[in-house]
Protein backbone atom coordinates (compact mmCIF):
# COMPACT_ATOMS: atom_id res chain seq x y z
CA MET A 1 0.03 0.09 0.06
CA TYR A 2 0.86 3.62 -0.64
CA SER A 3 1.90 5.64 2.32
CA GLU A 4 0.28 9.03 2.96
CA GLU A 5 3.14 10.77 2.16
CA CYS A 6 3.51 8.78 -1.23
CA PHE A 7 -0.15 9.64 -2.02
CA GLU A 8 0.38 13.74 -1.15
CA ALA A 9 3.38 13.24 -3.28
CA ILE A 10 1.43 11.87 -6.31
CA ALA A 11 -1.09 14.47 -5.76
CA MET A 12 1.47 17.42 -5.98
CA ASP A 13 3.02 16.14 -8.93
CA ASN A 14 -0.42 15.76 -10.80
CA LEU A 15 -1.30 19.36 -9.86
CA LEU A 16 2.27 20.70 -10.98
CA ASN A 17 1.69 18.89 -14.54
CA LEU A 18 -1.93 20.28 -14.71
CA PHE A 19 -0.39 23.79 -13.93
CA ASN A 20 2.42 23.51 -16.46
CA ASN A 21 -0.02 22.19 -19.11
CA VAL A 22 -1.98 25.32 -18.77
CA ILE A 23 1.20 27.89 -18.92
CA ALA A 24 2.70 25.80 -21.72
CA ASP A 25 -0.45 26.39 -23.71
CA LYS A 26 -0.86 30.06 -22.64
CA LEU A 27 2.68 31.31 -22.09
CA GLY A 28 4.93 28.74 -24.05
CA PHE A 29 6.92 27.42 -21.10
CA ILE A 30 6.67 25.28 -17.81
CA LEU A 31 7.93 25.83 -14.45
CA ARG A 32 11.88 25.46 -13.94
CA LYS A 33 12.65 22.80 -11.71
CA TYR A 34 13.48 25.00 -8.68
CA GLN A 35 10.25 26.70 -9.31
CA GLY A 36 8.28 23.52 -8.94
CA TYR A 37 10.36 22.63 -5.54
CA VAL A 38 9.26 25.88 -4.17
CA ALA A 39 5.85 25.24 -5.19
CA GLY A 40 5.69 22.09 -3.53
CA GLU A 41 7.44 23.27 -0.26
CA ILE A 42 4.29 26.00 -0.17
CA ILE A 43 1.61 23.24 -0.39
CA LYS A 44 3.35 21.01 1.86
CA SER A 45 3.76 24.02 4.51
CA ILE A 46 -0.13 24.56 4.22
CA ARG A 47 -1.07 21.08 4.72
CA GLU A 48 1.34 20.96 7.70
CA GLY A 49 -0.97 23.50 8.95
CA HIS A 50 1.00 26.65 8.41
CA ARG A 51 -1.57 29.50 7.81
CA PHE A 52 0.79 32.25 7.21
CA ILE A 53 3.96 31.50 4.70
CA ILE A 54 6.54 33.82 3.60
CA VAL A 55 8.29 32.83 0.45
CA SER A 56 11.69 34.88 0.13
CA MET A 57 13.52 34.22 -3.28
CA PRO A 58 15.66 36.48 -5.27
CA THR A 59 14.76 39.22 -7.83
CA GLY A 60 14.25 37.53 -11.21
CA SER A 61 13.88 34.00 -10.02
CA GLY A 62 10.24 33.68 -11.19
CA LYS A 63 8.18 34.61 -7.96
CA THR A 64 5.07 35.60 -10.11
CA LEU A 65 4.78 32.44 -11.72
CA ILE A 66 4.76 30.61 -8.19
CA GLU A 67 2.31 33.31 -6.89
CA MET A 68 -0.08 32.00 -10.00
CA PHE A 69 0.56 28.61 -9.01
CA THR A 70 -0.58 29.34 -5.34
CA ALA A 71 -3.72 30.90 -6.68
CA PHE A 72 -4.26 27.96 -9.09
CA TYR A 73 -4.08 25.44 -6.03
CA GLY A 74 -6.41 27.74 -4.17
CA VAL A 75 -8.99 27.31 -7.16
CA GLU A 76 -8.53 23.57 -7.49
CA GLN A 77 -8.96 23.28 -3.81
CA GLU A 78 -12.17 25.04 -4.42
CA PHE A 79 -11.54 27.90 -1.99
CA SER A 80 -14.53 30.46 -3.02
CA ARG A 81 -12.07 33.07 -4.27
CA ILE A 82 -8.71 34.06 -3.97
CA LEU A 83 -7.27 37.67 -3.20
CA VAL A 84 -3.89 38.77 -4.86
CA LEU A 85 -2.68 41.87 -3.38
CA GLU A 86 -0.15 44.23 -5.07
CA PRO A 87 1.22 47.15 -3.23
CA THR A 88 0.43 49.89 -6.08
CA ARG A 89 -2.06 50.30 -8.78
CA PHE A 90 1.04 50.17 -11.25
CA LEU A 91 1.62 46.71 -10.47
CA CYS A 92 -2.06 45.57 -10.70
CA ASP A 93 -1.92 46.81 -14.10
CA GLN A 94 1.39 45.07 -14.99
CA MET A 95 0.12 41.86 -13.73
CA TYR A 96 -3.31 41.98 -15.18
CA SER A 97 -2.64 43.38 -18.73
CA GLY A 98 -0.11 44.38 -21.40
CA GLY A 99 2.96 42.87 -22.71
CA ASP A 100 3.69 40.19 -24.91
CA LYS A 101 4.64 36.68 -24.78
CA TYR A 102 8.08 37.26 -23.58
CA SER A 103 7.17 39.81 -20.99
CA ARG A 104 5.75 39.13 -17.54
CA CYS A 105 2.94 42.07 -17.99
CA GLY A 106 -0.62 40.51 -18.18
CA LEU A 107 0.45 37.10 -17.09
CA TRP A 108 -2.40 36.73 -14.82
CA SER A 109 -5.40 37.37 -17.41
CA ARG A 110 -3.41 35.23 -20.03
CA VAL A 111 -3.22 32.22 -17.53
CA PHE A 112 -6.45 32.49 -15.91
CA GLY A 113 -8.58 34.45 -18.52
CA ASP A 114 -12.17 35.36 -17.16
CA LEU A 115 -11.64 33.89 -13.86
CA VAL A 116 -9.45 36.78 -13.08
CA GLY A 117 -10.38 40.37 -12.26
CA ARG A 118 -8.76 43.61 -11.14
CA GLU A 119 -9.95 46.41 -9.03
CA TYR A 120 -8.43 49.54 -7.79
CA GLU A 121 -10.79 52.22 -8.56
CA GLY A 122 -13.10 51.42 -5.59
CA SER A 123 -15.91 50.76 -7.50
CA CYS A 124 -15.80 47.06 -6.34
CA SER A 125 -17.09 45.95 -9.65
CA SER A 126 -14.76 42.82 -10.01
CA PHE A 127 -15.65 42.00 -6.32
CA LEU A 128 -19.40 42.01 -6.96
CA GLU A 129 -18.67 39.38 -10.12
CA PRO A 130 -19.14 35.94 -8.52
CA GLY A 131 -17.17 34.47 -11.73
CA LYS A 132 -14.05 36.24 -10.90
CA ARG A 133 -12.46 33.65 -8.69
CA ILE A 134 -9.31 35.63 -8.40
CA VAL A 135 -9.25 39.43 -7.95
CA LEU A 136 -5.81 41.33 -7.91
CA SER A 137 -6.25 44.77 -5.91
CA THR A 138 -4.44 46.97 -3.70
CA PRO A 139 -5.30 46.85 0.13
CA GLN A 140 -6.49 50.21 0.10
CA THR A 141 -9.22 49.49 -2.63
CA VAL A 142 -10.07 46.26 -0.83
CA LEU A 143 -10.42 47.88 2.44
CA LYS A 144 -13.23 50.36 0.62
CA CYS A 145 -14.79 47.19 -0.58
CA THR A 146 -15.02 44.92 2.44
CA SER A 147 -18.61 45.42 3.07
CA THR A 148 -19.11 43.35 -0.39
CA LEU A 149 -16.74 40.60 0.57
CA LYS A 150 -17.93 38.99 3.52
CA ARG A 151 -16.21 36.06 4.19
CA GLU A 152 -15.24 35.08 0.64
CA PHE A 153 -11.51 35.44 0.38
CA ARG A 154 -10.34 32.49 2.41
CA MET A 155 -7.03 32.53 0.76
CA ILE A 156 -4.69 35.68 0.15
CA VAL A 157 -1.54 36.05 -1.93
CA ILE A 158 0.51 38.96 -1.03
CA ASP A 159 3.08 40.26 -3.83
CA GLU A 160 6.02 42.22 -2.10
CA VAL A 161 4.89 40.97 1.31
CA HIS A 162 7.19 43.12 3.01
CA HIS A 163 4.97 46.00 2.72
CA ALA A 164 2.66 44.10 4.91
CA PHE A 165 5.02 44.17 8.01
CA GLY A 166 4.13 47.76 9.63
CA GLY A 167 1.86 48.71 6.69
CA LYS A 168 -1.33 49.82 8.35
CA TYR A 169 -3.62 49.07 5.14
CA TYR A 170 -2.43 45.71 5.22
CA THR A 171 -2.82 45.08 8.87
CA GLU A 172 -6.51 46.65 8.76
CA LEU A 173 -7.43 44.22 5.92
CA LEU A 174 -6.19 41.07 7.25
CA ILE A 175 -7.76 41.38 10.70
CA GLU A 176 -11.00 42.45 8.65
CA LEU A 177 -10.80 39.70 6.16
CA LYS A 178 -9.62 36.83 8.48
CA PRO A 179 -8.40 34.65 5.74
CA ASP A 180 -7.66 30.92 6.43
CA ILE A 181 -4.38 31.23 4.44
CA ILE A 182 -1.87 33.91 3.59
CA VAL A 183 1.18 33.25 1.09
CA GLY A 184 3.12 36.09 0.89
CA PHE A 185 6.37 36.72 -1.78
CA THR A 186 9.13 39.16 -1.33
CA ALA A 187 12.67 39.45 -2.58
CA LEU A 188 14.09 40.42 0.92
CA LEU A 189 12.43 40.42 4.33
CA PRO A 190 15.06 41.60 6.58
CA SER A 191 14.88 40.10 10.31
CA TYR A 192 13.80 43.43 12.03
CA LYS A 193 10.96 43.51 9.68
CA ARG A 194 9.46 40.36 10.91
CA TYR A 195 9.02 41.92 14.55
CA ARG A 196 6.66 44.98 13.08
CA LEU A 197 3.84 42.66 12.44
CA ASP A 198 1.18 43.75 14.22
CA PRO A 199 0.39 41.36 17.25
CA LYS A 200 -3.30 41.44 16.30
CA VAL A 201 -2.61 40.05 12.92
CA ARG A 202 -0.48 37.07 14.64
CA ASP A 203 -3.76 36.43 16.93
CA VAL A 204 -5.83 36.10 13.36
CA ILE A 205 -3.46 34.30 11.30
CA GLY A 206 -0.55 32.81 13.47
CA LYS A 207 3.12 33.45 13.25
CA PRO A 208 4.73 33.72 9.99
CA TYR A 209 6.38 30.59 8.57
CA ILE A 210 9.57 31.68 6.47
CA LEU A 211 10.56 29.57 3.39
CA SER A 212 13.70 31.30 2.37
CA TYR A 213 15.73 30.64 -1.17
CA ASP A 214 19.11 32.50 -1.71
CA PHE A 215 20.93 32.17 -4.80
CA LYS A 216 23.15 29.31 -3.42
CA ARG A 217 19.95 27.36 -2.18
CA LEU A 218 18.40 27.62 -5.60
CA GLU A 219 21.49 26.22 -7.40
CA GLU A 220 21.51 23.37 -4.78
CA ILE A 221 17.76 22.58 -5.87
CA ASP A 222 18.57 23.05 -9.52
CA PRO A 223 22.11 22.73 -10.92
CA ASN A 224 20.89 24.67 -14.17
CA PHE A 225 19.78 27.59 -12.19
CA LYS A 226 21.50 30.79 -13.33
CA PRO A 227 21.35 33.93 -11.14
CA PRO A 228 19.92 36.49 -13.21
CA LYS A 229 22.23 39.53 -14.37
CA ALA A 230 21.02 42.33 -12.02
CA ILE A 231 22.98 45.17 -10.31
CA ALA A 232 20.94 45.91 -7.33
CA ASP A 233 17.48 45.42 -5.93
CA ILE A 234 15.40 48.25 -4.88
CA PHE A 235 12.96 48.01 -1.89
CA ASP A 236 10.38 50.73 -1.17
CA ALA A 237 8.01 50.41 1.77
CA GLU A 238 5.72 52.59 3.72
CA MET A 239 7.33 54.17 6.60
CA ASN A 240 6.04 53.53 10.02
CA ASP A 241 5.51 56.88 12.58
CA TYR A 242 9.06 56.41 14.22
CA GLU A 243 10.68 56.17 10.67
CA ASN A 244 8.61 59.31 9.65
CA ARG A 245 9.69 61.11 12.39
CA VAL A 246 13.45 60.31 11.88
CA TYR A 247 13.30 61.29 8.22
CA ASP A 248 11.76 64.58 9.12
CA THR A 249 14.51 65.36 11.68
CA LEU A 250 17.24 64.55 9.14
CA PHE A 251 15.19 66.31 6.26
CA ARG A 252 15.16 69.59 8.51
CA ALA A 253 18.57 69.12 9.48
CA LEU A 254 17.66 68.96 13.16
CA VAL A 255 20.28 66.61 14.23
CA GLN A 256 23.17 67.91 16.54
CA GLY A 257 26.46 66.68 15.98
CA GLY A 258 28.62 65.88 19.11
CA SER A 259 31.28 68.22 18.37
CA SER A 260 32.57 70.86 15.62
CA ASP A 261 35.28 68.49 15.10
CA ASN A 262 32.99 65.78 13.95
CA GLN A 263 30.49 67.58 12.00
CA VAL A 264 30.23 67.29 8.23
CA SER A 265 30.16 70.49 6.29
């Protein structure tokens, strides 16, 4: 007889094959070995009972495709609807529409078709269409539309999840929606950021479970992985009250030096 772990491995392989067939048809390629591995680790973590999963992967390693796989898993598991959060309207547009087959623009609509909607104007139209199983939006817009959402979005996928640590809109939204599962993706989550998660969010969804993959780890998983040619990453995030006060103090040159010898002219 097959063990439970064996059945789960077979089910995971079937799910990956199904997703690869979809993106092969829609995009012309399939997940790389390391992307499939990370996708499997996410599902394994969910099945182990982790409700708040953070996936850290380098820029250029294809996090968007794994985000889409996560939403695909949610649809296959018959989650009523899946909410995908982007920090800005620009990213909502980029992920939803535009671009050619070689671009990451419009990947969501190309893969999921009419199942996916986008909402950032506050009209809540995509949220009101039951056929939109996946909705891309910003946290500010979703907060405006929460009265229409009820308990529909049991799974939330968060792109650039570092914004959610200390971000008031994310905090308010997660407490309001109380999802069953959150899977967030980022290129970098500094250790100090992890302690900025509002305790009320921890009470609702639990302690974040970190899946971290640097270049070395991805090369170990997949010998064919090649680090992308990138010079630097730029991370922008909403500042908290303390950071705003420090910034304002520095901007207005209110910091006094210890002595004239140590001051910079």
